N, C-alpha and C. Protein backbone atom coordinates (compact mmCIF):
# COMPACT_ATOMS: atom_id res chain seq x y z
N MET A 1 62.41 96.41 95.58
CA MET A 1 63.57 96.38 94.74
C MET A 1 64.69 97.10 95.46
N THR A 2 65.78 96.46 95.49
CA THR A 2 66.97 97.11 96.20
C THR A 2 67.72 97.93 95.21
N THR A 3 68.34 98.94 95.77
CA THR A 3 69.14 99.82 94.81
C THR A 3 70.58 99.33 94.73
N ASN A 4 71.28 99.84 93.81
CA ASN A 4 72.65 99.49 93.60
C ASN A 4 73.47 99.79 94.87
N ARG A 5 73.20 100.89 95.49
CA ARG A 5 73.91 101.25 96.70
C ARG A 5 73.68 100.21 97.86
N GLU A 6 72.48 99.78 97.98
CA GLU A 6 72.11 98.79 99.03
C GLU A 6 72.81 97.50 98.76
N GLU A 7 72.90 97.08 97.52
CA GLU A 7 73.58 95.83 97.15
C GLU A 7 75.07 96.01 97.39
N GLN A 8 75.64 97.14 97.16
CA GLN A 8 77.08 97.39 97.44
C GLN A 8 77.31 97.27 98.97
N LEU A 9 76.45 97.82 99.76
CA LEU A 9 76.63 97.78 101.23
C LEU A 9 76.51 96.38 101.71
N GLU A 10 75.55 95.64 101.22
CA GLU A 10 75.35 94.26 101.62
C GLU A 10 76.62 93.42 101.21
N ARG A 11 77.10 93.61 100.01
CA ARG A 11 78.31 92.90 99.55
C ARG A 11 79.52 93.26 100.49
N GLN A 12 79.59 94.56 100.80
CA GLN A 12 80.70 94.94 101.63
C GLN A 12 80.64 94.33 103.01
N GLU A 13 79.41 94.23 103.58
CA GLU A 13 79.27 93.59 104.92
C GLU A 13 79.61 92.13 104.88
N LYS A 14 79.30 91.43 103.72
CA LYS A 14 79.62 90.02 103.59
C LYS A 14 81.16 89.83 103.49
N ILE A 15 81.80 90.71 102.73
CA ILE A 15 83.20 90.62 102.55
C ILE A 15 83.93 90.89 103.91
N MET A 16 83.48 91.86 104.69
CA MET A 16 84.08 92.11 105.98
C MET A 16 83.92 91.00 106.93
N ALA A 17 82.71 90.31 106.91
CA ALA A 17 82.47 89.15 107.76
C ALA A 17 83.43 88.03 107.32
N GLY A 18 83.59 87.86 106.06
CA GLY A 18 84.49 86.75 105.60
C GLY A 18 85.88 87.02 106.02
N LEU A 19 86.34 88.35 105.87
CA LEU A 19 87.72 88.61 106.30
C LEU A 19 87.84 88.32 107.79
N LYS A 20 86.95 88.66 108.58
CA LYS A 20 87.00 88.44 110.04
C LYS A 20 87.13 86.95 110.35
N ILE A 21 86.36 86.10 109.70
CA ILE A 21 86.49 84.69 109.83
C ILE A 21 87.87 84.20 109.43
N ALA A 22 88.34 84.58 108.30
CA ALA A 22 89.65 84.21 107.77
C ALA A 22 90.77 84.62 108.79
N TYR A 23 90.67 85.79 109.40
CA TYR A 23 91.59 86.28 110.33
C TYR A 23 91.62 85.42 111.63
N GLU A 24 90.41 85.11 112.08
CA GLU A 24 90.32 84.19 113.25
C GLU A 24 90.93 82.79 112.98
N ARG A 25 90.66 82.29 111.81
CA ARG A 25 91.19 80.98 111.41
C ARG A 25 92.75 81.02 111.33
N MET A 26 93.23 82.12 110.78
CA MET A 26 94.68 82.26 110.66
C MET A 26 95.30 82.29 112.01
N LEU A 27 94.75 83.08 112.96
CA LEU A 27 95.33 83.11 114.32
C LEU A 27 95.24 81.76 115.00
N GLU A 28 94.12 81.00 114.83
CA GLU A 28 94.04 79.71 115.41
C GLU A 28 95.14 78.71 114.81
N PHE A 29 95.38 78.84 113.48
CA PHE A 29 96.37 77.97 112.88
C PHE A 29 97.78 78.39 113.38
N LYS A 30 98.03 79.69 113.49
CA LYS A 30 99.30 80.11 114.07
C LYS A 30 99.57 79.59 115.54
N ARG A 31 98.48 79.64 116.30
CA ARG A 31 98.53 79.17 117.69
C ARG A 31 98.87 77.64 117.69
N GLN A 32 98.23 76.89 116.85
CA GLN A 32 98.47 75.38 116.79
C GLN A 32 99.89 75.11 116.39
N LYS A 33 100.38 75.88 115.42
CA LYS A 33 101.77 75.62 114.94
C LYS A 33 102.87 76.39 115.72
N ASN A 34 102.41 77.05 116.71
CA ASN A 34 103.34 77.85 117.60
C ASN A 34 104.17 78.74 116.72
N SER A 35 103.54 79.48 115.78
CA SER A 35 104.25 80.29 114.80
C SER A 35 103.89 81.78 115.06
N GLU A 36 104.78 82.64 114.60
CA GLU A 36 104.60 84.12 114.82
C GLU A 36 103.68 84.63 113.73
N VAL A 37 102.99 85.69 114.08
CA VAL A 37 102.20 86.51 113.13
C VAL A 37 103.06 87.73 112.80
N VAL A 38 103.20 88.03 111.45
CA VAL A 38 104.03 89.17 111.07
C VAL A 38 103.07 90.28 110.59
N VAL A 39 103.19 91.44 111.26
CA VAL A 39 102.34 92.59 110.85
C VAL A 39 103.18 93.87 110.75
N MET A 40 102.55 94.87 110.21
CA MET A 40 103.24 96.21 110.05
C MET A 40 102.58 97.15 110.98
N ARG A 41 103.39 97.73 111.90
CA ARG A 41 102.92 98.77 112.83
C ARG A 41 103.87 99.97 112.77
N GLU A 42 103.17 101.10 112.49
CA GLU A 42 103.86 102.38 112.41
C GLU A 42 105.00 102.31 111.46
N GLY A 43 104.80 101.63 110.29
CA GLY A 43 105.84 101.51 109.26
C GLY A 43 106.97 100.51 109.55
N LYS A 44 106.84 99.75 110.67
CA LYS A 44 107.87 98.72 111.00
C LYS A 44 107.24 97.39 110.94
N ILE A 45 108.05 96.40 110.60
CA ILE A 45 107.59 95.00 110.53
C ILE A 45 107.74 94.43 111.92
N VAL A 46 106.73 93.86 112.48
CA VAL A 46 106.71 93.40 113.92
C VAL A 46 106.19 91.91 113.88
N ARG A 47 106.90 91.13 114.70
CA ARG A 47 106.51 89.69 114.86
C ARG A 47 105.80 89.53 116.22
N ILE A 48 104.69 88.90 116.21
CA ILE A 48 103.86 88.76 117.39
C ILE A 48 103.65 87.27 117.65
N LYS A 49 103.82 86.82 118.84
CA LYS A 49 103.49 85.45 119.29
C LYS A 49 102.00 85.44 119.62
N PRO A 50 101.17 84.72 118.90
CA PRO A 50 99.73 84.63 119.26
C PRO A 50 99.47 83.89 120.51
């Protein structure tokens, strides 16, 4: 029987894996469309060409 804490950790790992996949897909989409990625670095908005 798994504990609530173990279930939380497993769920968190799945969420992080899903976010990684979504990020990779977003970057690939931006490359295909020759579009910039907008991020925040050190409190400033920065545009990056992927």
